PDB file of N, CA and C in Angstrom:
ATOM      1  N   MET A   1      46.905 -63.001   2.880  1.00  0.00           N
ATOM      2  CA  MET A   1      46.788 -64.120   3.475  1.00  0.00           C
ATOM      3  C   MET A   1      45.909 -63.112   4.781  1.00  0.00           C
ATOM      4  N   ARG A   2      44.788 -63.598   5.345  1.00  0.00           N
ATOM      5  CA  ARG A   2      44.147 -63.308   6.458  1.00  0.00           C
ATOM      6  C   ARG A   2      43.975 -64.414   7.221  1.00  0.00           C
ATOM      7  N   SER A   3      44.273 -64.072   8.515  1.00  0.00           N
ATOM      8  CA  SER A   3      44.000 -65.138   9.759  1.00  0.00           C
ATOM      9  C   SER A   3      42.633 -64.879  10.526  1.00  0.00           C
ATOM     10  N   PHE A   4      41.947 -65.817  10.766  1.00  0.00           N
ATOM     11  CA  PHE A   4      40.745 -65.535  11.597  1.00  0.00           C
ATOM     12  C   PHE A   4      40.978 -66.478  12.733  1.00  0.00           C
ATOM     13  N   LYS A   5      40.758 -65.969  13.880  1.00  0.00           N
ATOM     14  CA  LYS A   5      41.208 -66.727  15.371  1.00  0.00           C
ATOM     15  C   LYS A   5      39.773 -66.927  15.909  1.00  0.00           C
ATOM     16  N   SER A   6      38.826 -65.805  15.729  1.00  0.00           N
ATOM     17  CA  SER A   6      37.696 -65.603  16.703  1.00  0.00           C
ATOM     18  C   SER A   6      36.507 -65.075  15.835  1.00  0.00           C
ATOM     19  N   PRO A   7      35.277 -65.103  15.915  1.00  0.00           N
ATOM     20  CA  PRO A   7      34.021 -64.519  15.602  1.00  0.00           C
ATOM     21  C   PRO A   7      34.597 -62.831  15.245  1.00  0.00           C
ATOM     22  N   GLU A   8      35.215 -62.462  16.208  1.00  0.00           N
ATOM     23  CA  GLU A   8      35.628 -60.813  16.215  1.00  0.00           C
ATOM     24  C   GLU A   8      36.443 -60.652  15.100  1.00  0.00           C
ATOM     25  N   ASP A   9      37.154 -61.485  14.537  1.00  0.00           N
ATOM     26  CA  ASP A   9      38.155 -61.359  13.556  1.00  0.00           C
ATOM     27  C   ASP A   9      37.052 -61.227  12.313  1.00  0.00           C
ATOM     28  N   LEU A  10      36.215 -61.757  12.191  1.00  0.00           N
ATOM     29  CA  LEU A  10      35.335 -61.452  10.812  1.00  0.00           C
ATOM     30  C   LEU A  10      34.445 -60.282  10.785  1.00  0.00           C
ATOM     31  N   LYS A  11      34.193 -59.856  12.150  1.00  0.00           N
ATOM     32  CA  LYS A  11      33.385 -58.303  12.092  1.00  0.00           C
ATOM     33  C   LYS A  11      33.985 -57.240  11.123  1.00  0.00           C
ATOM     34  N   SER A  12      35.314 -57.179  10.868  1.00  0.00           N
ATOM     35  CA  SER A  12      35.880 -56.320  10.006  1.00  0.00           C
ATOM     36  C   SER A  12      35.756 -56.940   8.636  1.00  0.00           C
ATOM     37  N   PHE A  13      35.420 -57.821   8.184  1.00  0.00           N
ATOM     38  CA  PHE A  13      35.982 -58.492   7.129  1.00  0.00           C
ATOM     39  C   PHE A  13      34.608 -58.082   6.231  1.00  0.00           C
ATOM     40  N   PRO A  14      34.440 -57.628   5.030  1.00  0.00           N
ATOM     41  CA  PRO A  14      33.464 -57.143   4.308  1.00  0.00           C
ATOM     42  C   PRO A  14      32.481 -58.402   3.732  1.00  0.00           C
ATOM     43  N   SER A  15      31.197 -58.134   4.600  1.00  0.00           N
ATOM     44  CA  SER A  15      29.916 -59.050   4.627  1.00  0.00           C
ATOM     45  C   SER A  15      29.454 -59.306   3.014  1.00  0.00           C
ATOM     46  N   ASP A  16      30.036 -58.668   2.127  1.00  0.00           N
ATOM     47  CA  ASP A  16      29.610 -58.983   0.718  1.00  0.00           C
ATOM     48  C   ASP A  16      30.773 -59.941   0.025  1.00  0.00           C
ATOM     49  N   HIS A  17      31.650 -60.370   0.605  1.00  0.00           N
ATOM     50  CA  HIS A  17      32.813 -61.113   0.256  1.00  0.00           C
ATOM     51  C   HIS A  17      32.577 -62.673   0.345  1.00  0.00           C
ATOM     52  N   PRO A  18      32.747 -63.210  -1.213  1.00  0.00           N
ATOM     53  CA  PRO A  18      32.065 -64.582  -1.374  1.00  0.00           C
ATOM     54  C   PRO A  18      32.364 -65.809  -0.312  1.00  0.00           C
ATOM     55  N   ALA A  19      33.539 -65.170   0.428  1.00  0.00           N
ATOM     56  CA  ALA A  19      34.124 -66.198   1.331  1.00  0.00           C
ATOM     57  C   ALA A  19      33.469 -66.053   2.822  1.00  0.00           C
ATOM     58  N   LYS A  20      32.512 -65.171   2.788  1.00  0.00           N
ATOM     59  CA  LYS A  20      32.375 -64.736   4.282  1.00  0.00           C
ATOM     60  C   LYS A  20      31.661 -65.857   5.007  1.00  0.00           C
ATOM     61  N   PRO A  21      30.444 -66.080   4.167  1.00  0.00           N
ATOM     62  CA  PRO A  21      29.650 -67.567   4.683  1.00  0.00           C
ATOM     63  C   PRO A  21      30.681 -68.706   5.037  1.00  0.00           C
ATOM     64  N   LEU A  22      31.373 -69.224   4.116  1.00  0.00           N
ATOM     65  CA  LEU A  22      32.320 -70.427   4.764  1.00  0.00           C
ATOM     66  C   LEU A  22      33.139 -69.976   5.913  1.00  0.00           C
ATOM     67  N   LEU A  23      33.707 -68.800   5.791  1.00  0.00           N
ATOM     68  CA  LEU A  23      34.814 -68.253   6.856  1.00  0.00           C
ATOM     69  C   LEU A  23      33.886 -68.094   8.119  1.00  0.00           C
ATOM     70  N   THR A  24      32.644 -67.670   8.162  1.00  0.00           N
ATOM     71  CA  THR A  24      32.008 -67.795   9.536  1.00  0.00           C
ATOM     72  C   THR A  24      31.649 -69.011   9.804  1.00  0.00           C
ATOM     73  N   GLU A  25      31.088 -69.967   8.937  1.00  0.00           N
ATOM     74  CA  GLU A  25      31.060 -71.439   9.346  1.00  0.00           C
ATOM     75  C   GLU A  25      32.108 -71.846  10.337  1.00  0.00           C
ATOM     76  N   LEU A  26      33.352 -71.781   9.161  1.00  0.00           N
ATOM     77  CA  LEU A  26      34.475 -72.610   9.955  1.00  0.00           C
ATOM     78  C   LEU A  26      35.065 -71.922  10.974  1.00  0.00           C
ATOM     79  N   VAL A  27      35.007 -70.721  11.219  1.00  0.00           N
ATOM     80  CA  VAL A  27      35.476 -70.025  12.556  1.00  0.00           C
ATOM     81  C   VAL A  27      34.648 -70.370  13.798  1.00  0.00           C
ATOM     82  N   ASN A  28      33.089 -69.952  13.612  1.00  0.00           N
ATOM     83  CA  ASN A  28      32.037 -70.570  14.704  1.00  0.00           C
ATOM     84  C   ASN A  28      32.535 -71.900  14.918  1.00  0.00           C
ATOM     85  N   GLY A  29      32.555 -72.890  14.026  1.00  0.00           N
ATOM     86  CA  GLY A  29      32.898 -74.300  14.426  1.00  0.00           C
ATOM     87  C   GLY A  29      34.079 -74.439  15.199  1.00  0.00           C
ATOM     88  N   LEU A  30      34.926 -73.931  15.240  1.00  0.00           N
ATOM     89  CA  LEU A  30      36.277 -73.783  15.888  1.00  0.00           C
ATOM     90  C   LEU A  30      36.176 -73.227  17.110  1.00  0.00           C
ATOM     91  N   THR A  31      35.556 -71.880  17.376  1.00  0.00           N
ATOM     92  CA  THR A  31      35.541 -71.338  18.452  1.00  0.00           C
ATOM     93  C   THR A  31      34.352 -71.635  19.587  1.00  0.00           C
ATOM     94  N   THR A  32      33.420 -72.406  19.335  1.00  0.00           N
ATOM     95  CA  THR A  32      32.580 -72.419  20.343  1.00  0.00           C
ATOM     96  C   THR A  32      32.320 -73.457  21.189  1.00  0.00           C
ATOM     97  N   PHE A  33      33.610 -74.428  21.129  1.00  0.00           N
ATOM     98  CA  PHE A  33      33.940 -75.332  22.027  1.00  0.00           C
ATOM     99  C   PHE A  33      34.497 -74.611  23.316  1.00  0.00           C
ATOM    100  N   GLU A  34      34.069 -75.018  24.788  1.00  0.00           N
ATOM    101  CA  GLU A  34      34.837 -74.336  25.604  1.00  0.00           C
ATOM    102  C   GLU A  34      36.506 -74.433  25.895  1.00  0.00           C
ATOM    103  N   GLY A  35      37.214 -73.299  26.239  1.00  0.00           N
ATOM    104  CA  GLY A  35      38.562 -73.708  26.359  1.00  0.00           C
ATOM    105  C   GLY A  35      39.282 -73.150  25.092  1.00  0.00           C
ATOM    106  N   TYR A  36      38.550 -72.812  23.665  1.00  0.00           N
ATOM    107  CA  TYR A  36      39.414 -72.659  22.530  1.00  0.00           C
ATOM    108  C   TYR A  36      40.197 -71.658  22.997  1.00  0.00           C
ATOM    109  N   ASP A  37      41.727 -72.246  22.532  1.00  0.00           N
ATOM    110  CA  ASP A  37      42.838 -71.343  22.514  1.00  0.00           C
ATOM    111  C   ASP A  37      43.574 -71.628  21.117  1.00  0.00           C
ATOM    112  N   PRO A  38      43.304 -70.591  19.993  1.00  0.00           N
ATOM    113  CA  PRO A  38      43.792 -70.564  18.820  1.00  0.00           C
ATOM    114  C   PRO A  38      45.177 -70.923  18.829  1.00  0.00           C
ATOM    115  N   ASP A  39      46.140 -70.612  19.710  1.00  0.00           N
ATOM    116  CA  ASP A  39      47.612 -70.742  19.851  1.00  0.00           C
ATOM    117  C   ASP A  39      47.636 -72.720  20.044  1.00  0.00           C
ATOM    118  N   ALA A  40      46.663 -72.732  20.705  1.00  0.00           N
ATOM    119  CA  ALA A  40      46.826 -74.508  20.897  1.00  0.00           C
ATOM    120  C   ALA A  40      45.746 -75.586  20.009  1.00  0.00           C
ATOM    121  N   ASP A  41      44.619 -74.617  19.475  1.00  0.00           N
ATOM    122  CA  ASP A  41      43.996 -75.550  18.643  1.00  0.00           C
ATOM    123  C   ASP A  41      44.204 -75.194  17.305  1.00  0.00           C
ATOM    124  N   GLY A  42      44.555 -74.166  16.820  1.00  0.00           N
ATOM    125  CA  GLY A  42      44.462 -73.560  15.293  1.00  0.00           C
ATOM    126  C   GLY A  42      43.190 -72.602  14.929  1.00  0.00           C
ATOM    127  N   TRP A  43      43.236 -72.426  13.761  1.00  0.00           N
ATOM    128  CA  TRP A  43      42.554 -70.979  13.320  1.00  0.00           C
ATOM    129  C   TRP A  43      42.260 -71.196  11.568  1.00  0.00           C
ATOM    130  N   VAL A  44      41.637 -70.355  11.297  1.00  0.00           N
ATOM    131  CA  VAL A  44      41.120 -70.418   9.960  1.00  0.00           C
ATOM    132  C   VAL A  44      42.103 -69.308   8.955  1.00  0.00           C
ATOM    133  N   VAL A  45      42.552 -69.634   7.827  1.00  0.00           N
ATOM    134  CA  VAL A  45      43.336 -68.238   7.002  1.00  0.00           C
ATOM    135  C   VAL A  45      42.757 -68.389   5.473  1.00  0.00           C
ATOM    136  N   LEU A  46      42.458 -67.308   5.138  1.00  0.00           N
ATOM    137  CA  LEU A  46      42.358 -67.018   3.834  1.00  0.00           C
ATOM    138  C   LEU A  46      43.150 -66.714   3.179  1.00  0.00           C
ATOM    139  N   ILE A  47      43.455 -67.305   1.748  1.00  0.00           N
ATOM    140  CA  ILE A  47      44.604 -67.042   0.829  1.00  0.00           C
ATOM    141  C   ILE A  47      44.030 -66.334  -0.158  1.00  0.00           C
ATOM    142  N   ASP A  48      44.580 -65.008  -0.386  1.00  0.00           N
ATOM    143  CA  ASP A  48      44.021 -64.379  -1.578  1.00  0.00           C
ATOM    144  C   ASP A  48      44.743 -63.976  -2.506  1.00  0.00           C
ATOM    145  N   GLU A  49      44.680 -63.513  -3.642  1.00  0.00           N
ATOM    146  CA  GLU A  49      45.293 -63.346  -4.906  1.00  0.00           C
ATOM    147  C   GLU A  49      46.765 -62.632  -4.689  1.00  0.00           C
ATOM    148  N   GLY A  50      47.629 -63.144  -4.901  1.00  0.00           N
ATOM    149  CA  GLY A  50      49.060 -62.384  -4.357  1.00  0.00           C
ATOM    150  C   GLY A  50      49.815 -63.136  -3.447  1.00  0.00           C
ATOM    151  N   ASP A  51      48.934 -63.868  -2.559  1.00  0.00           N
ATOM    152  CA  ASP A  51      49.682 -64.679  -1.560  1.00  0.00           C
ATOM    153  C   ASP A  51      49.973 -65.838  -1.999  1.00  0.00           C
ATOM    154  N   ILE A  52      49.514 -66.463  -3.138  1.00  0.00           N
ATOM    155  CA  ILE A  52      49.844 -67.986  -3.203  1.00  0.00           C
ATOM    156  C   ILE A  52      51.291 -68.386  -3.308  1.00  0.00           C
ATOM    157  N   ASP A  53      52.211 -67.814  -3.800  1.00  0.00           N
ATOM    158  CA  ASP A  53      53.825 -68.158  -3.602  1.00  0.00           C
ATOM    159  C   ASP A  53      54.564 -67.546  -2.664  1.00  0.00           C
ATOM    160  N   LYS A  54      53.847 -66.491  -1.805  1.00  0.00           N
ATOM    161  CA  LYS A  54      54.657 -66.123  -0.589  1.00  0.00           C
ATOM    162  C   LYS A  54      54.631 -67.309   0.480  1.00  0.00           C
ATOM    163  N   PRO A  55      55.480 -66.952   1.362  1.00  0.00           N
ATOM    164  CA  PRO A  55      55.809 -67.904   2.352  1.00  0.00           C
ATOM    165  C   PRO A  55      54.716 -67.572   3.672  1.00  0.00           C
ATOM    166  N   LEU A  56      54.561 -68.428   3.850  1.00  0.00           N
ATOM    167  CA  LEU A  56      53.017 -68.275   5.076  1.00  0.00           C
ATOM    168  C   LEU A  56      53.678 -67.943   6.393  1.00  0.00           C
ATOM    169  N   ILE A  57      54.285 -66.647   6.302  1.00  0.00           N
ATOM    170  CA  ILE A  57      54.916 -65.904   7.078  1.00  0.00           C
ATOM    171  C   ILE A  57      54.462 -65.908   8.812  1.00  0.00           C
ATOM    172  N   ASP A  58      53.323 -65.827   8.769  1.00  0.00           N
ATOM    173  CA  ASP A  58      52.341 -65.969  10.111  1.00  0.00           C
ATOM    174  C   ASP A  58      52.519 -67.270  10.684  1.00  0.00           C
ATOM    175  N   LEU A  59      52.833 -68.327   9.943  1.00  0.00           N
ATOM    176  CA  LEU A  59      52.572 -69.792  10.177  1.00  0.00           C
ATOM    177  C   LEU A  59      54.199 -70.326  10.337  1.00  0.00           C
ATOM    178  N   TRP A  60      54.619 -70.274   9.094  1.00  0.00           N
ATOM    179  CA  TRP A  60      55.887 -70.809   8.951  1.00  0.00           C
ATOM    180  C   TRP A  60      56.789 -69.707   7.962  1.00  0.00           C
ATOM    181  N   ASP A  61      57.942 -69.253   8.221  1.00  0.00           N
ATOM    182  CA  ASP A  61      58.730 -68.123   7.409  1.00  0.00           C
ATOM    183  C   ASP A  61      59.149 -68.919   6.157  1.00  0.00           C
ATOM    184  N   ASP A  62      59.458 -70.182   5.909  1.00  0.00           N
ATOM    185  CA  ASP A  62      59.937 -70.644   4.758  1.00  0.00           C
ATOM    186  C   ASP A  62      58.869 -71.689   3.507  1.00  0.00           C
ATOM    187  N   TRP A  63      57.700 -71.595   4.093  1.00  0.00           N
ATOM    188  CA  TRP A  63      56.604 -72.744   3.447  1.00  0.00           C
ATOM    189  C   TRP A  63      55.690 -71.933   2.780  1.00  0.00           C
ATOM    190  N   THR A  64      55.371 -72.246   1.636  1.00  0.00           N
ATOM    191  CA  THR A  64      54.635 -71.849   0.725  1.00  0.00           C
ATOM    192  C   THR A  64      52.960 -72.800   0.803  1.00  0.00           C
ATOM    193  N   LEU A  65      52.168 -72.684   0.303  1.00  0.00           N
ATOM    194  CA  LEU A  65      50.918 -73.315   0.488  1.00  0.00           C
ATOM    195  C   LEU A  65      51.543 -74.848  -0.022  1.00  0.00           C
ATOM    196  N   LEU A  66      52.102 -74.971  -0.808  1.00  0.00           N
ATOM    197  CA  LEU A  66      52.460 -76.137  -1.580  1.00  0.00           C
ATOM    198  C   LEU A  66      53.390 -77.273  -0.869  1.00  0.00           C
ATOM    199  N   ASP A  67      53.912 -76.240   0.380  1.00  0.00           N
ATOM    200  CA  ASP A  67      54.952 -77.113   1.206  1.00  0.00           C
ATOM    201  C   ASP A  67      54.127 -77.624   2.433  1.00  0.00           C
ATOM    202  N   VAL A  68      52.781 -77.561   2.722  1.00  0.00           N
ATOM    203  CA  VAL A  68      52.095 -77.931   3.530  1.00  0.00           C
ATOM    204  C   VAL A  68      51.551 -79.310   3.571  1.00  0.00           C
ATOM    205  N   PRO A  69      51.633 -79.902   4.567  1.00  0.00           N
ATOM    206  CA  PRO A  69      51.437 -81.465   4.363  1.00  0.00           C
ATOM    207  C   PRO A  69      49.949 -81.462   4.603  1.00  0.00           C
ATOM    208  N   TRP A  70      49.211 -81.669   3.531  1.00  0.00           N
ATOM    209  CA  TRP A  70      47.767 -81.597   4.011  1.00  0.00           C
ATOM    210  C   TRP A  70      47.063 -82.989   4.274  1.00  0.00           C
ATOM    211  N   GLU A  71      45.933 -82.756   5.022  1.00  0.00           N
ATOM    212  CA  GLU A  71      45.278 -83.741   5.749  1.00  0.00           C
ATOM    213  C   GLU A  71      44.530 -84.264   4.881  1.00  0.00           C
ATOM    214  N   GLY A  72      43.849 -83.069   4.082  1.00  0.00           N
ATOM    215  CA  GLY A  72      43.046 -83.343   3.159  1.00  0.00           C
ATOM    216  C   GLY A  72      42.378 -81.976   2.326  1.00  0.00           C
ATOM    217  N   VAL A  73      41.687 -82.264   1.170  1.00  0.00           N
ATOM    218  CA  VAL A  73      41.231 -81.001   0.326  1.00  0.00           C
ATOM    219  C   VAL A  73      39.909 -81.314   0.314  1.00  0.00           C
ATOM    220  N   MET A  74      38.895 -80.418   0.186  1.00  0.00           N
ATOM    221  CA  MET A  74      37.536 -80.456  -0.165  1.00  0.00           C
ATOM    222  C   MET A  74      37.180 -79.169  -0.977  1.00  0.00           C
ATOM    223  N   LYS A  75      36.330 -79.215  -1.974  1.00  0.00           N
ATOM    224  CA  LYS A  75      35.452 -78.224  -2.623  1.00  0.00           C
ATOM    225  C   LYS A  75      34.415 -77.825  -2.112  1.00  0.00           C
ATOM    226  N   VAL A  76      34.356 -76.509  -1.559  1.00  0.00           N
ATOM    227  CA  VAL A  76      32.989 -75.688  -0.958  1.00  0.00           C
ATOM    228  C   VAL A  76      32.775 -74.762  -1.376  1.00  0.00           C
ATOM    229  N   ASP A  77      31.548 -74.476  -2.219  1.00  0.00           N
ATOM    230  CA  ASP A  77      31.064 -73.490  -2.512  1.00  0.00           C
ATOM    231  C   ASP A  77      32.038 -72.082  -3.403  1.00  0.00           C
ATOM    232  N   GLY A  78      32.962 -73.218  -3.837  1.00  0.00           N
ATOM    233  CA  GLY A  78      33.701 -72.056  -5.118  1.00  0.00           C
ATOM    234  C   GLY A  78      35.229 -72.068  -4.360  1.00  0.00           C
ATOM    235  N   PHE A  79      35.274 -72.676  -3.075  1.00  0.00           N
ATOM    236  CA  PHE A  79      36.725 -72.817  -2.581  1.00  0.00           C
ATOM    237  C   PHE A  79      37.356 -74.037  -2.267  1.00  0.00           C
ATOM    238  N   TYR A  80      38.591 -74.171  -2.230  1.00  0.00           N
ATOM    239  CA  TYR A  80      39.363 -75.467  -1.599  1.00  0.00           C
ATOM    240  C   TYR A  80      39.593 -74.750  -0.349  1.00  0.00           C
ATOM    241  N   GLU A  81      39.066 -75.830   0.447  1.00  0.00           N
ATOM    242  CA  GLU A  81      39.192 -75.957   1.833  1.00  0.00           C
ATOM    243  C   GLU A  81      40.455 -77.246   2.428  1.00  0.00           C
ATOM    244  N   VAL A  82      41.307 -76.324   2.609  1.00  0.00           N
ATOM    245  CA  VAL A  82      42.729 -77.239   2.845  1.00  0.00           C
ATOM    246  C   VAL A  82      42.909 -77.341   4.117  1.00  0.00           C
ATOM    247  N   ILE A  83      43.050 -78.839   4.658  1.00  0.00           N
ATOM    248  CA  ILE A  83      43.352 -78.682   6.111  1.00  0.00           C
ATOM    249  C   ILE A  83      44.697 -79.065   6.476  1.00  0.00           C
ATOM    250  N   PHE A  84      45.461 -78.911   7.496  1.00  0.00           N
ATOM    251  CA  PHE A  84      46.411 -78.988   7.998  1.00  0.00           C
ATOM    252  C   PHE A  84      46.438 -79.328   9.372  1.00  0.00           C
ATOM    253  N   LEU A  85      46.739 -80.788   9.715  1.00  0.00           N
ATOM    254  CA  LEU A  85      46.717 -81.092  11.286  1.00  0.00           C
ATOM    255  C   LEU A  85      48.251 -80.997  11.747  1.00  0.00           C
ATOM    256  N   ALA A  86      48.812 -80.779  12.841  1.00  0.00           N
ATOM    257  CA  ALA A  86      50.065 -80.648  13.090  1.00  0.00           C
ATOM    258  C   ALA A  86      50.077 -81.567  13.924  1.00  0.00           C
ATOM    259  N   ASN A  87      48.880 -81.911  14.955  1.00  0.00           N
ATOM    260  CA  ASN A  87      48.743 -83.259  16.091  1.00  0.00           C
ATOM    261  C   ASN A  87      47.167 -83.533  16.182  1.00  0.00           C
ATOM    262  N   ASN A  88      46.969 -84.170  17.390  1.00  0.00           N
ATOM    263  CA  ASN A  88      45.620 -84.305  17.526  1.00  0.00           C
ATOM    264  C   ASN A  88      44.683 -83.322  18.146  1.00  0.00           C
ATOM    265  N   GLN A  89      45.412 -82.108  18.052  1.00  0.00           N
ATOM    266  CA  GLN A  89      44.651 -80.659  18.803  1.00  0.00           C
ATOM    267  C   GLN A  89      44.965 -79.587  17.740  1.00  0.00           C
ATOM    268  N   PHE A  90      46.176 -79.329  17.233  1.00  0.00           N
ATOM    269  CA  PHE A  90      46.281 -78.053  16.840  1.00  0.00           C
ATOM    270  C   PHE A  90      46.345 -78.367  15.034  1.00  0.00           C
ATOM    271  N   GLY A  91      45.432 -77.746  14.374  1.00  0.00           N
ATOM    272  CA  GLY A  91      44.993 -77.669  12.671  1.00  0.00           C
ATOM    273  C   GLY A  91      44.689 -76.255  12.419  1.00  0.00           C
ATOM    274  N   ILE A  92      44.867 -76.131  11.084  1.00  0.00           N
ATOM    275  CA  ILE A  92      44.761 -75.087  10.234  1.00  0.00           C
ATOM    276  C   ILE A  92      43.990 -75.153   9.350  1.00  0.00           C
ATOM    277  N   VAL A  93      42.717 -74.374   8.866  1.00  0.00           N
ATOM    278  CA  VAL A  93      42.206 -74.462   7.707  1.00  0.00           C
ATOM    279  C   VAL A  93      42.523 -73.250   6.730  1.00  0.00           C
ATOM    280  N   PHE A  94      42.892 -73.677   5.491  1.00  0.00           N
ATOM    281  CA  PHE A  94      43.376 -72.724   4.533  1.00  0.00           C
ATOM    282  C   PHE A  94      42.049 -72.782   3.669  1.00  0.00           C
ATOM    283  N   VAL A  95      41.439 -71.659   3.183  1.00  0.00           N
ATOM    284  CA  VAL A  95      40.334 -71.317   2.293  1.00  0.00           C
ATOM    285  C   VAL A  95      41.102 -70.384   1.520  1.00  0.00           C
ATOM    286  N   VAL A  96      41.155 -71.455  -0.062  1.00  0.00           N
ATOM    287  CA  VAL A  96      41.420 -71.133  -1.000  1.00  0.00           C
ATOM    288  C   VAL A  96      40.722 -70.516  -2.319  1.00  0.00           C
ATOM    289  N   PRO A  97      40.329 -69.579  -2.959  1.00  0.00           N
ATOM    290  CA  PRO A  97      39.502 -69.433  -3.814  1.00  0.00           C
ATOM    291  C   PRO A  97      39.699 -70.122  -4.965  1.00  0.00           C
ATOM    292  N   ILE A  98      38.844 -70.454  -5.625  1.00  0.00           N
ATOM    293  CA  ILE A  98      38.913 -71.585  -6.885  1.00  0.00           C
ATOM    294  C   ILE A  98      38.889 -70.264  -8.147  1.00  0.00           C
ATOM    295  N   GLN A  99      39.938 -69.760  -8.185  1.00  0.00           N
ATOM    296  CA  GLN A  99      39.686 -68.300  -9.330  1.00  0.00           C
ATOM    297  C   GLN A  99      40.611 -68.573 -10.465  1.00  0.00           C
ATOM    298  N   PRO A 100      40.517 -67.824 -11.271  1.00  0.00           N
ATOM    299  CA  PRO A 100      41.709 -67.811 -12.543  1.00  0.00           C
ATOM    300  C   PRO A 100      42.890 -67.507 -11.977  1.00  0.00           C
ATOM    301  N   TRP A 101      43.175 -66.736 -11.043  1.00  0.00           N
ATOM    302  CA  TRP A 101      44.418 -66.507 -10.676  1.00  0.00           C
ATOM    303  C   TRP A 101      45.176 -67.479 -10.040  1.00  0.00           C
ATOM    304  N   LEU A 102      44.516 -68.810  -9.621  1.00  0.00           N
ATOM    305  CA  LEU A 102      45.131 -69.712  -8.983  1.00  0.00           C
ATOM    306  C   LEU A 102      46.061 -70.433  -9.861  1.00  0.00           C
ATOM    307  N   PRO A 103      47.270 -70.841  -9.639  1.00  0.00           N
ATOM    308  CA  PRO A 103      48.377 -71.161 -10.828  1.00  0.00           C
ATOM    309  C   PRO A 103      47.701 -72.450 -10.969  1.00  0.00           C
ATOM    310  N   PRO A 104      47.932 -73.114 -12.349  1.00  0.00           N
ATOM    311  CA  PRO A 104      47.508 -74.325 -12.818  1.00  0.00           C
ATOM    312  C   PRO A 104      48.169 -75.365 -11.879  1.00  0.00           C
ATOM    313  N   HIS A 105      49.520 -75.011 -11.421  1.00  0.00           N
ATOM    314  CA  HIS A 105      50.336 -76.350 -10.593  1.00  0.00           C
ATOM    315  C   HIS A 105      49.605 -76.352  -9.355  1.00  0.00           C
ATOM    316  N   TYR A 106      49.149 -75.237  -8.735  1.00  0.00           N
ATOM    317  CA  TYR A 106      48.306 -75.470  -7.233  1.00  0.00           C
ATOM    318  C   TYR A 106      47.122 -76.114  -7.553  1.00  0.00           C
ATOM    319  N   ARG A 107      46.242 -75.418  -8.470  1.00  0.00           N
ATOM    320  CA  ARG A 107      45.185 -76.013  -8.958  1.00  0.00           C
ATOM    321  C   ARG A 107      45.251 -77.444  -8.851  1.00  0.00           C
ATOM    322  N   SER A 108      46.378 -78.433  -9.631  1.00  0.00           N
ATOM    323  CA  SER A 108      46.333 -79.509  -9.868  1.00  0.00           C
ATOM    324  C   SER A 108      46.656 -80.198  -8.498  1.00  0.00           C
ATOM    325  N   ALA A 109      47.722 -79.620  -7.915  1.00  0.00           N
ATOM    326  CA  ALA A 109      48.068 -80.157  -6.563  1.00  0.00           C
ATOM    327  C   ALA A 109      46.748 -80.309  -5.532  1.00  0.00           C
ATOM    328  N   LEU A 110      46.268 -79.575  -5.693  1.00  0.00           N
ATOM    329  CA  LEU A 110      44.885 -79.616  -4.638  1.00  0.00           C
ATOM    330  C   LEU A 110      43.723 -80.548  -5.225  1.00  0.00           C
ATOM    331  N   GLU A 111      43.547 -80.386  -6.729  1.00  0.00           N
ATOM    332  CA  GLU A 111      42.422 -81.409  -7.274  1.00  0.00           C
ATOM    333  C   GLU A 111      43.075 -82.969  -6.882  1.00  0.00           C
ATOM    334  N   GLU A 112      44.396 -82.951  -7.069  1.00  0.00           N
ATOM    335  CA  GLU A 112      45.083 -84.628  -6.676  1.00  0.00           C
ATOM    336  C   GLU A 112      44.606 -84.877  -5.585  1.00  0.00           C
ATOM    337  N   HIS A 113      44.379 -83.998  -4.395  1.00  0.00           N
ATOM    338  CA  HIS A 113      44.400 -84.261  -2.817  1.00  0.00           C
ATOM    339  C   HIS A 113      42.881 -84.142  -2.722  1.00  0.00           C
ATOM    340  N   LEU A 114      41.945 -83.894  -3.522  1.00  0.00           N
ATOM    341  CA  LEU A 114      40.785 -83.715  -3.162  1.00  0.00           C
ATOM    342  C   LEU A 114      39.916 -85.080  -2.265  1.00  0.00           C
ATOM    343  N   ASP A 115      39.229 -85.055  -1.248  1.00  0.00           N
ATOM    344  CA  ASP A 115      38.768 -86.330  -0.654  1.00  0.00           C
ATOM    345  C   ASP A 115      37.559 -86.243  -1.421  1.00  0.00           C
ATOM    346  N   PRO A 116      37.472 -87.897  -1.644  1.00  0.00           N
ATOM    347  CA  PRO A 116      36.035 -88.497  -2.301  1.00  0.00           C
ATOM    348  C   PRO A 116      34.953 -88.338  -1.732  1.00  0.00           C
TER     349      PRO A 116
END
């Protein structure tokens, strides 16, 4: 699991990674408004292979992705974009690759929550 709270966080991320364009778009969208504070406003998280059943310890020490109360799920360029909103200000966007390593129960849950 990798968190992106500023464009600076993307500088060390591999430029050839398939998620780079989507992460760049999401991070830039969050950070361009005046007064952006990731602790108050939220950030973007990339879920990697091996992270899927681990607790989201950077966020919650006993939740996995399936425990997050999603606001919505979208498919974007080979990824699920999973939105969590804690309140009117703070939100986290989880970027989950649509890959064979994604367990069927996760895929099913995400597909059931897809926005029309």
